PDB file of N, CA and C in Angstrom:
ATOM      1  N   MET A   1      -3.214 -11.418   6.506  1.00  0.00           N
ATOM      2  CA  MET A   1      -2.372 -10.452   5.810  1.00  0.00           C
ATOM      3  C   MET A   1      -3.244  -9.206   5.655  1.00  0.00           C
ATOM      4  N   ILE A   2      -2.563  -8.063   5.780  1.00  0.00           N
ATOM      5  CA  ILE A   2      -3.241  -6.805   5.604  1.00  0.00           C
ATOM      6  C   ILE A   2      -2.654  -6.041   4.365  1.00  0.00           C
ATOM      7  N   LEU A   3      -3.536  -5.568   3.553  1.00  0.00           N
ATOM      8  CA  LEU A   3      -3.142  -4.698   2.398  1.00  0.00           C
ATOM      9  C   LEU A   3      -3.431  -3.277   2.774  1.00  0.00           C
ATOM     10  N   TYR A   4      -2.465  -2.408   2.574  1.00  0.00           N
ATOM     11  CA  TYR A   4      -2.663  -0.986   2.843  1.00  0.00           C
ATOM     12  C   TYR A   4      -2.498  -0.249   1.512  1.00  0.00           C
ATOM     13  N   LYS A   5      -3.545   0.482   1.135  1.00  0.00           N
ATOM     14  CA  LYS A   5      -3.467   1.359   0.001  1.00  0.00           C
ATOM     15  C   LYS A   5      -2.995   2.703   0.627  1.00  0.00           C
ATOM     16  N   VAL A   6      -2.006   3.285   0.086  1.00  0.00           N
ATOM     17  CA  VAL A   6      -1.391   4.473   0.597  1.00  0.00           C
ATOM     18  C   VAL A   6      -1.738   5.633  -0.322  1.00  0.00           C
ATOM     19  N   TYR A   7      -2.323   6.703   0.253  1.00  0.00           N
ATOM     20  CA  TYR A   7      -2.842   7.827  -0.527  1.00  0.00           C
ATOM     21  C   TYR A   7      -2.056   9.108  -0.020  1.00  0.00           C
ATOM     22  N   LEU A   8      -2.041  10.097  -0.945  1.00  0.00           N
ATOM     23  CA  LEU A   8      -1.483  11.413  -0.651  1.00  0.00           C
ATOM     24  C   LEU A   8      -2.663  12.391  -0.840  1.00  0.00           C
ATOM     25  N   LYS A   9      -2.831  13.256   0.146  1.00  0.00           N
ATOM     26  CA  LYS A   9      -3.909  14.244   0.065  1.00  0.00           C
ATOM     27  C   LYS A   9      -3.625  15.270  -0.990  1.00  0.00           C
ATOM     28  N   ASN A  10      -4.639  15.396  -1.898  1.00  0.00           N
ATOM     29  CA  ASN A  10      -4.493  16.469  -2.922  1.00  0.00           C
ATOM     30  C   ASN A  10      -5.517  17.513  -2.639  1.00  0.00           C
ATOM     31  N   TYR A  11      -5.098  18.633  -2.080  1.00  0.00           N
ATOM     32  CA  TYR A  11      -6.003  19.679  -1.705  1.00  0.00           C
ATOM     33  C   TYR A  11      -6.714  20.341  -2.766  1.00  0.00           C
ATOM     34  N   ASP A  12      -6.058  20.428  -3.984  1.00  0.00           N
ATOM     35  CA  ASP A  12      -6.671  21.091  -5.161  1.00  0.00           C
ATOM     36  C   ASP A  12      -7.896  20.307  -5.595  1.00  0.00           C
ATOM     37  N   LEU A  13      -7.795  18.973  -5.699  1.00  0.00           N
ATOM     38  CA  LEU A  13      -8.949  18.167  -6.191  1.00  0.00           C
ATOM     39  C   LEU A  13      -9.834  17.669  -5.011  1.00  0.00           C
ATOM     40  N   LYS A  14      -9.350  17.959  -3.804  1.00  0.00           N
ATOM     41  CA  LYS A  14     -10.103  17.590  -2.560  1.00  0.00           C
ATOM     42  C   LYS A  14     -10.337  16.083  -2.519  1.00  0.00           C
ATOM     43  N   LYS A  15      -9.303  15.325  -2.752  1.00  0.00           N
ATOM     44  CA  LYS A  15      -9.348  13.824  -2.640  1.00  0.00           C
ATOM     45  C   LYS A  15      -7.985  13.313  -2.539  1.00  0.00           C
ATOM     46  N   GLY A  16      -7.899  11.990  -2.291  1.00  0.00           N
ATOM     47  CA  GLY A  16      -6.527  11.313  -2.178  1.00  0.00           C
ATOM     48  C   GLY A  16      -6.146  10.765  -3.481  1.00  0.00           C
ATOM     49  N   GLU A  17      -4.799  10.782  -3.696  1.00  0.00           N
ATOM     50  CA  GLU A  17      -4.229  10.229  -4.881  1.00  0.00           C
ATOM     51  C   GLU A  17      -3.432   9.048  -4.476  1.00  0.00           C
ATOM     52  N   LEU A  18      -3.678   7.886  -5.087  1.00  0.00           N
ATOM     53  CA  LEU A  18      -2.975   6.639  -4.832  1.00  0.00           C
ATOM     54  C   LEU A  18      -1.539   6.751  -5.147  1.00  0.00           C
ATOM     55  N   ILE A  19      -0.655   6.458  -4.219  1.00  0.00           N
ATOM     56  CA  ILE A  19       0.769   6.495  -4.508  1.00  0.00           C
ATOM     57  C   ILE A  19       1.438   5.145  -4.317  1.00  0.00           C
ATOM     58  N   GLY A  20       0.749   4.177  -3.689  1.00  0.00           N
ATOM     59  CA  GLY A  20       1.354   2.844  -3.574  1.00  0.00           C
ATOM     60  C   GLY A  20       0.501   1.916  -2.663  1.00  0.00           C
ATOM     61  N   MET A  21       1.079   0.746  -2.477  1.00  0.00           N
ATOM     62  CA  MET A  21       0.455  -0.301  -1.626  1.00  0.00           C
ATOM     63  C   MET A  21       1.486  -0.948  -0.799  1.00  0.00           C
ATOM     64  N   LEU A  22       1.117  -1.276   0.461  1.00  0.00           N
ATOM     65  CA  LEU A  22       1.970  -2.000   1.350  1.00  0.00           C
ATOM     66  C   LEU A  22       1.275  -3.347   1.701  1.00  0.00           C
ATOM     67  N   ILE A  23       2.119  -4.400   1.921  1.00  0.00           N
ATOM     68  CA  ILE A  23       1.594  -5.668   2.305  1.00  0.00           C
ATOM     69  C   ILE A  23       2.258  -6.016   3.626  1.00  0.00           C
ATOM     70  N   GLU A  24       1.395  -6.207   4.660  1.00  0.00           N
ATOM     71  CA  GLU A  24       1.892  -6.458   5.969  1.00  0.00           C
ATOM     72  C   GLU A  24       1.165  -7.691   6.614  1.00  0.00           C
ATOM     73  N   ARG A  25       1.891  -8.509   7.197  1.00  0.00           N
ATOM     74  CA  ARG A  25       1.364  -9.666   7.864  1.00  0.00           C
ATOM     75  C   ARG A  25       0.870  -9.256   9.259  1.00  0.00           C
ATOM     76  N   ARG A  26      -0.093 -10.005   9.720  1.00  0.00           N
ATOM     77  CA  ARG A  26      -0.700  -9.685  10.992  1.00  0.00           C
ATOM     78  C   ARG A  26       0.311  -9.582  12.171  1.00  0.00           C
ATOM     79  N   LYS A  27       1.379 -10.446  12.162  1.00  0.00           N
ATOM     80  CA  LYS A  27       2.324 -10.450  13.215  1.00  0.00           C
ATOM     81  C   LYS A  27       3.156  -9.103  13.357  1.00  0.00           C
ATOM     82  N   ASP A  28       3.108  -8.319  12.294  1.00  0.00           N
ATOM     83  CA  ASP A  28       3.954  -7.069  12.273  1.00  0.00           C
ATOM     84  C   ASP A  28       3.256  -5.914  12.970  1.00  0.00           C
ATOM     85  N   LEU A  29       2.041  -6.042  13.552  1.00  0.00           N
ATOM     86  CA  LEU A  29       1.370  -5.007  14.159  1.00  0.00           C
ATOM     87  C   LEU A  29       1.975  -4.552  15.487  1.00  0.00           C
ATOM     88  N   ARG A  30       2.530  -5.492  16.219  1.00  0.00           N
ATOM     89  CA  ARG A  30       3.267  -5.182  17.459  1.00  0.00           C
ATOM     90  C   ARG A  30       2.492  -4.240  18.397  1.00  0.00           C
ATOM     91  N   GLY A  31       1.193  -4.533  18.688  1.00  0.00           N
ATOM     92  CA  GLY A  31       0.473  -3.849  19.664  1.00  0.00           C
ATOM     93  C   GLY A  31      -0.227  -2.562  19.161  1.00  0.00           C
ATOM     94  N   MET A  32      -0.054  -2.191  17.836  1.00  0.00           N
ATOM     95  CA  MET A  32      -0.632  -1.003  17.324  1.00  0.00           C
ATOM     96  C   MET A  32      -1.936  -1.366  16.556  1.00  0.00           C
ATOM     97  N   THR A  33      -2.784  -0.439  16.302  1.00  0.00           N
ATOM     98  CA  THR A  33      -3.952  -0.687  15.447  1.00  0.00           C
ATOM     99  C   THR A  33      -3.450  -0.795  14.008  1.00  0.00           C
ATOM    100  N   GLN A  34      -4.327  -1.278  13.161  1.00  0.00           N
ATOM    101  CA  GLN A  34      -3.943  -1.467  11.780  1.00  0.00           C
ATOM    102  C   GLN A  34      -3.585  -0.077  11.096  1.00  0.00           C
ATOM    103  N   VAL A  35      -4.349   0.946  11.406  1.00  0.00           N
ATOM    104  CA  VAL A  35      -4.113   2.196  10.779  1.00  0.00           C
ATOM    105  C   VAL A  35      -2.770   2.810  11.334  1.00  0.00           C
ATOM    106  N   GLU A  36      -2.554   2.745  12.633  1.00  0.00           N
ATOM    107  CA  GLU A  36      -1.300   3.269  13.187  1.00  0.00           C
ATOM    108  C   GLU A  36      -0.059   2.555  12.576  1.00  0.00           C
ATOM    109  N   SER A  37      -0.156   1.226  12.534  1.00  0.00           N
ATOM    110  CA  SER A  37       0.962   0.428  11.973  1.00  0.00           C
ATOM    111  C   SER A  37       1.179   0.762  10.558  1.00  0.00           C
ATOM    112  N   GLY A  38       0.141   0.831   9.699  1.00  0.00           N
ATOM    113  CA  GLY A  38       0.251   1.090   8.291  1.00  0.00           C
ATOM    114  C   GLY A  38       0.750   2.518   8.026  1.00  0.00           C
ATOM    115  N   LEU A  39       0.276   3.446   8.790  1.00  0.00           N
ATOM    116  CA  LEU A  39       0.694   4.814   8.585  1.00  0.00           C
ATOM    117  C   LEU A  39       2.163   5.036   8.964  1.00  0.00           C
ATOM    118  N   LYS A  40       2.663   4.362  10.035  1.00  0.00           N
ATOM    119  CA  LYS A  40       4.079   4.428  10.358  1.00  0.00           C
ATOM    120  C   LYS A  40       4.921   3.861   9.262  1.00  0.00           C
ATOM    121  N   TRP A  41       4.503   2.773   8.666  1.00  0.00           N
ATOM    122  CA  TRP A  41       5.259   2.142   7.658  1.00  0.00           C
ATOM    123  C   TRP A  41       5.249   2.957   6.352  1.00  0.00           C
ATOM    124  N   ALA A  42       4.014   3.510   6.055  1.00  0.00           N
ATOM    125  CA  ALA A  42       3.779   4.341   4.817  1.00  0.00           C
ATOM    126  C   ALA A  42       4.669   5.582   4.901  1.00  0.00           C
ATOM    127  N   LYS A  43       4.854   6.195   6.063  1.00  0.00           N
ATOM    128  CA  LYS A  43       5.751   7.400   6.222  1.00  0.00           C
ATOM    129  C   LYS A  43       7.198   7.020   5.944  1.00  0.00           C
ATOM    130  N   LEU A  44       7.556   5.846   6.363  1.00  0.00           N
ATOM    131  CA  LEU A  44       8.949   5.401   6.136  1.00  0.00           C
ATOM    132  C   LEU A  44       9.173   5.063   4.652  1.00  0.00           C
ATOM    133  N   LYS A  45       8.240   4.426   4.026  1.00  0.00           N
ATOM    134  CA  LYS A  45       8.444   4.051   2.587  1.00  0.00           C
ATOM    135  C   LYS A  45       8.084   5.119   1.568  1.00  0.00           C
ATOM    136  N   PHE A  46       7.068   5.892   1.823  1.00  0.00           N
ATOM    137  CA  PHE A  46       6.590   6.896   0.854  1.00  0.00           C
ATOM    138  C   PHE A  46       6.675   8.322   1.307  1.00  0.00           C
ATOM    139  N   GLY A  47       7.296   8.574   2.430  1.00  0.00           N
ATOM    140  CA  GLY A  47       7.407   9.963   2.967  1.00  0.00           C
ATOM    141  C   GLY A  47       8.237  10.858   2.084  1.00  0.00           C
ATOM    142  N   HIS A  48       9.152  10.394   1.307  1.00  0.00           N
ATOM    143  CA  HIS A  48       9.924  11.228   0.453  1.00  0.00           C
ATOM    144  C   HIS A  48       9.113  11.771  -0.731  1.00  0.00           C
ATOM    145  N   LEU A  49       7.965  11.191  -0.990  1.00  0.00           N
ATOM    146  CA  LEU A  49       7.053  11.648  -2.100  1.00  0.00           C
ATOM    147  C   LEU A  49       6.183  12.778  -1.711  1.00  0.00           C
ATOM    148  N   ALA A  50       6.111  13.021  -0.429  1.00  0.00           N
ATOM    149  CA  ALA A  50       5.187  14.078   0.107  1.00  0.00           C
ATOM    150  C   ALA A  50       5.969  15.300   0.588  1.00  0.00           C
ATOM    151  N   LYS A  51       5.460  16.538   0.457  1.00  0.00           N
ATOM    152  CA  LYS A  51       6.052  17.679   1.033  1.00  0.00           C
ATOM    153  C   LYS A  51       5.923  17.620   2.537  1.00  0.00           C
ATOM    154  N   ASN A  52       4.744  17.177   3.019  1.00  0.00           N
ATOM    155  CA  ASN A  52       4.458  17.073   4.381  1.00  0.00           C
ATOM    156  C   ASN A  52       4.024  15.605   4.664  1.00  0.00           C
ATOM    157  N   ARG A  53       4.692  14.909   5.527  1.00  0.00           N
ATOM    158  CA  ARG A  53       4.338  13.551   5.866  1.00  0.00           C
ATOM    159  C   ARG A  53       2.899  13.386   6.427  1.00  0.00           C
ATOM    160  N   LYS A  54       2.392  14.466   6.912  1.00  0.00           N
ATOM    161  CA  LYS A  54       1.035  14.409   7.502  1.00  0.00           C
ATOM    162  C   LYS A  54      -0.039  14.328   6.403  1.00  0.00           C
ATOM    163  N   ASP A  55       0.370  14.596   5.136  1.00  0.00           N
ATOM    164  CA  ASP A  55      -0.545  14.443   4.002  1.00  0.00           C
ATOM    165  C   ASP A  55      -0.765  12.971   3.557  1.00  0.00           C
ATOM    166  N   LEU A  56      -0.009  12.124   4.100  1.00  0.00           N
ATOM    167  CA  LEU A  56      -0.189  10.674   3.753  1.00  0.00           C
ATOM    168  C   LEU A  56      -1.310  10.037   4.615  1.00  0.00           C
ATOM    169  N   PHE A  57      -2.078   9.166   4.023  1.00  0.00           N
ATOM    170  CA  PHE A  57      -3.042   8.370   4.794  1.00  0.00           C
ATOM    171  C   PHE A  57      -3.165   7.016   4.155  1.00  0.00           C
ATOM    172  N   VAL A  58      -3.592   6.036   5.004  1.00  0.00           N
ATOM    173  CA  VAL A  58      -3.655   4.640   4.537  1.00  0.00           C
ATOM    174  C   VAL A  58      -5.079   4.150   4.737  1.00  0.00           C
ATOM    175  N   VAL A  59      -5.419   3.143   3.864  1.00  0.00           N
ATOM    176  CA  VAL A  59      -6.735   2.454   4.009  1.00  0.00           C
ATOM    177  C   VAL A  59      -6.404   1.006   4.094  1.00  0.00           C
ATOM    178  N   PRO A  60      -6.582   0.413   5.293  1.00  0.00           N
ATOM    179  CA  PRO A  60      -6.230  -1.056   5.482  1.00  0.00           C
ATOM    180  C   PRO A  60      -7.408  -1.951   5.061  1.00  0.00           C
ATOM    181  N   ARG A  61      -6.993  -3.115   4.589  1.00  0.00           N
ATOM    182  CA  ARG A  61      -7.966  -4.166   4.143  1.00  0.00           C
ATOM    183  C   ARG A  61      -7.453  -5.480   4.435  1.00  0.00           C
ATOM    184  N   GLU A  62      -8.146  -6.389   5.153  1.00  0.00           N
ATOM    185  CA  GLU A  62      -7.734  -7.757   5.381  1.00  0.00           C
ATOM    186  C   GLU A  62      -7.871  -8.481   4.072  1.00  0.00           C
ATOM    187  N   SER A  63      -6.894  -9.359   3.807  1.00  0.00           N
ATOM    188  CA  SER A  63      -6.936 -10.085   2.559  1.00  0.00           C
ATOM    189  C   SER A  63      -6.229 -11.440   2.680  1.00  0.00           C
ATOM    190  N   ASN A  64      -6.781 -12.405   1.986  1.00  0.00           N
ATOM    191  CA  ASN A  64      -6.134 -13.738   1.903  1.00  0.00           C
ATOM    192  C   ASN A  64      -5.928 -13.937   0.360  1.00  0.00           C
ATOM    193  N   PHE A  65      -4.683 -13.902  -0.127  1.00  0.00           N
ATOM    194  CA  PHE A  65      -4.313 -14.108  -1.464  1.00  0.00           C
ATOM    195  C   PHE A  65      -4.603 -15.550  -1.836  1.00  0.00           C
ATOM    196  N   ILE A  66      -5.214 -15.733  -3.081  1.00  0.00           N
ATOM    197  CA  ILE A  66      -5.421 -17.069  -3.575  1.00  0.00           C
ATOM    198  C   ILE A  66      -4.263 -17.448  -4.485  1.00  0.00           C
ATOM    199  N   GLY A  67      -3.721 -18.602  -4.326  1.00  0.00           N
ATOM    200  CA  GLY A  67      -2.613 -19.069  -5.196  1.00  0.00           C
ATOM    201  C   GLY A  67      -1.291 -18.709  -4.650  1.00  0.00           C
ATOM    202  N   ASP A  68      -0.260 -18.747  -5.546  1.00  0.00           N
ATOM    203  CA  ASP A  68       1.123 -18.589  -5.139  1.00  0.00           C
ATOM    204  C   ASP A  68       1.399 -17.073  -4.996  1.00  0.00           C
ATOM    205  N   SER A  69       1.417 -16.581  -3.812  1.00  0.00           N
ATOM    206  CA  SER A  69       1.601 -15.128  -3.553  1.00  0.00           C
ATOM    207  C   SER A  69       2.806 -14.820  -2.681  1.00  0.00           C
ATOM    208  N   GLU A  70       3.754 -15.781  -2.530  1.00  0.00           N
ATOM    209  CA  GLU A  70       4.881 -15.537  -1.741  1.00  0.00           C
ATOM    210  C   GLU A  70       5.762 -14.372  -2.275  1.00  0.00           C
ATOM    211  N   TRP A  71       5.878 -14.227  -3.581  1.00  0.00           N
ATOM    212  CA  TRP A  71       6.647 -13.156  -4.147  1.00  0.00           C
ATOM    213  C   TRP A  71       6.039 -11.815  -3.835  1.00  0.00           C
ATOM    214  N   LEU A  72       4.705 -11.706  -3.694  1.00  0.00           N
ATOM    215  CA  LEU A  72       4.082 -10.426  -3.283  1.00  0.00           C
ATOM    216  C   LEU A  72       4.452 -10.114  -1.858  1.00  0.00           C
ATOM    217  N   LYS A  73       4.503 -11.176  -0.964  1.00  0.00           N
ATOM    218  CA  LYS A  73       4.784 -10.891   0.405  1.00  0.00           C
ATOM    219  C   LYS A  73       6.233 -10.445   0.602  1.00  0.00           C
ATOM    220  N   GLU A  74       7.154 -11.046  -0.238  1.00  0.00           N
ATOM    221  CA  GLU A  74       8.548 -10.691  -0.036  1.00  0.00           C
ATOM    222  C   GLU A  74       8.797  -9.275  -0.432  1.00  0.00           C
ATOM    223  N   LYS A  75       8.126  -8.743  -1.490  1.00  0.00           N
ATOM    224  CA  LYS A  75       8.347  -7.389  -1.909  1.00  0.00           C
ATOM    225  C   LYS A  75       7.903  -6.396  -0.857  1.00  0.00           C
ATOM    226  N   GLY A  76       6.726  -6.568  -0.344  1.00  0.00           N
ATOM    227  CA  GLY A  76       6.233  -5.694   0.824  1.00  0.00           C
ATOM    228  C   GLY A  76       5.720  -4.363   0.482  1.00  0.00           C
ATOM    229  N   ALA A  77       6.347  -3.617  -0.454  1.00  0.00           N
ATOM    230  CA  ALA A  77       5.828  -2.249  -0.777  1.00  0.00           C
ATOM    231  C   ALA A  77       5.889  -2.100  -2.312  1.00  0.00           C
ATOM    232  N   TRP A  78       4.813  -1.552  -2.839  1.00  0.00           N
ATOM    233  CA  TRP A  78       4.708  -1.316  -4.239  1.00  0.00           C
ATOM    234  C   TRP A  78       4.354   0.152  -4.557  1.00  0.00           C
ATOM    235  N   THR A  79       5.041   0.703  -5.574  1.00  0.00           N
ATOM    236  CA  THR A  79       4.662   2.075  -5.987  1.00  0.00           C
ATOM    237  C   THR A  79       3.511   1.999  -6.936  1.00  0.00           C
ATOM    238  N   LYS A  80       2.877   3.110  -7.234  1.00  0.00           N
ATOM    239  CA  LYS A  80       1.744   3.153  -8.096  1.00  0.00           C
ATOM    240  C   LYS A  80       2.146   2.622  -9.480  1.00  0.00           C
ATOM    241  N   GLU A  81       3.317   2.980 -10.007  1.00  0.00           N
ATOM    242  CA  GLU A  81       3.732   2.496 -11.328  1.00  0.00           C
ATOM    243  C   GLU A  81       3.862   1.012 -11.350  1.00  0.00           C
ATOM    244  N   GLU A  82       4.501   0.467 -10.278  1.00  0.00           N
ATOM    245  CA  GLU A  82       4.681  -0.968 -10.204  1.00  0.00           C
ATOM    246  C   GLU A  82       3.225  -1.691 -10.188  1.00  0.00           C
ATOM    247  N   LEU A  83       2.350  -1.141  -9.425  1.00  0.00           N
ATOM    248  CA  LEU A  83       1.015  -1.744  -9.395  1.00  0.00           C
ATOM    249  C   LEU A  83       0.318  -1.711 -10.776  1.00  0.00           C
ATOM    250  N   PHE A  84       0.417  -0.622 -11.466  1.00  0.00           N
ATOM    251  CA  PHE A  84      -0.183  -0.577 -12.791  1.00  0.00           C
ATOM    252  C   PHE A  84       0.470  -1.517 -13.775  1.00  0.00           C
ATOM    253  N   SER A  85       1.822  -1.701 -13.725  1.00  0.00           N
ATOM    254  CA  SER A  85       2.497  -2.593 -14.663  1.00  0.00           C
ATOM    255  C   SER A  85       2.044  -4.076 -14.294  1.00  0.00           C
ATOM    256  N   LEU A  86       1.884  -4.302 -12.984  1.00  0.00           N
ATOM    257  CA  LEU A  86       1.487  -5.680 -12.537  1.00  0.00           C
ATOM    258  C   LEU A  86       0.089  -5.927 -12.985  1.00  0.00           C
ATOM    259  N   MET A  87      -0.810  -4.948 -12.937  1.00  0.00           N
ATOM    260  CA  MET A  87      -2.226  -5.136 -13.382  1.00  0.00           C
ATOM    261  C   MET A  87      -2.274  -5.414 -14.940  1.00  0.00           C
ATOM    262  N   LYS A  88      -1.419  -4.746 -15.631  1.00  0.00           N
ATOM    263  CA  LYS A  88      -1.399  -4.965 -17.111  1.00  0.00           C
ATOM    264  C   LYS A  88      -0.873  -6.370 -17.418  1.00  0.00           C
ATOM    265  N   LEU A  89       0.109  -6.781 -16.699  1.00  0.00           N
ATOM    266  CA  LEU A  89       0.616  -8.141 -16.837  1.00  0.00           C
ATOM    267  C   LEU A  89      -0.400  -9.179 -16.508  1.00  0.00           C
ATOM    268  N   LEU A  90      -1.132  -8.982 -15.418  1.00  0.00           N
ATOM    269  CA  LEU A  90      -2.142  -9.981 -15.136  1.00  0.00           C
ATOM    270  C   LEU A  90      -3.290  -9.983 -16.111  1.00  0.00           C
ATOM    271  N   LYS A  91      -3.661  -8.798 -16.671  1.00  0.00           N
ATOM    272  CA  LYS A  91      -4.747  -8.769 -17.685  1.00  0.00           C
ATOM    273  C   LYS A  91      -4.292  -9.568 -18.899  1.00  0.00           C
ATOM    274  N   THR A  92      -3.073  -9.408 -19.356  1.00  0.00           N
ATOM    275  CA  THR A  92      -2.606 -10.153 -20.578  1.00  0.00           C
ATOM    276  C   THR A  92      -2.375 -11.580 -20.293  1.00  0.00           C
ATOM    277  N   THR A  93      -2.024 -11.984 -19.049  1.00  0.00           N
ATOM    278  CA  THR A  93      -1.803 -13.406 -18.702  1.00  0.00           C
ATOM    279  C   THR A  93      -3.109 -14.054 -18.505  1.00  0.00           C
ATOM    280  N   TYR A  94      -4.000 -13.441 -17.744  1.00  0.00           N
ATOM    281  CA  TYR A  94      -5.293 -14.084 -17.401  1.00  0.00           C
ATOM    282  C   TYR A  94      -6.449 -13.145 -17.861  1.00  0.00           C
ATOM    283  N   PRO A  95      -6.791 -13.271 -19.182  1.00  0.00           N
ATOM    284  CA  PRO A  95      -7.852 -12.301 -19.717  1.00  0.00           C
ATOM    285  C   PRO A  95      -9.198 -12.651 -19.178  1.00  0.00           C
TER     286      PRO A  95
END
């Protein structure tokens, strides 16, 4: 499974701002590289948040989730707000 962190270029601060995360299984690449596949999907899911879709970029990372992670795979795309609320929930559940 591949995790993609999706960033939006912030020219004022000269860095990327995290806007979400995508979860993609290896079989979904369909002949593309990880970056090409992730960027195509990121433009579809998060393109409405950017003035210019070329300002989006992704950082792929191979991952194997430990434990019951089927609900993460089913969701597929997470916004920044959903990620932060999930992190808060996990901190309170597993201190």
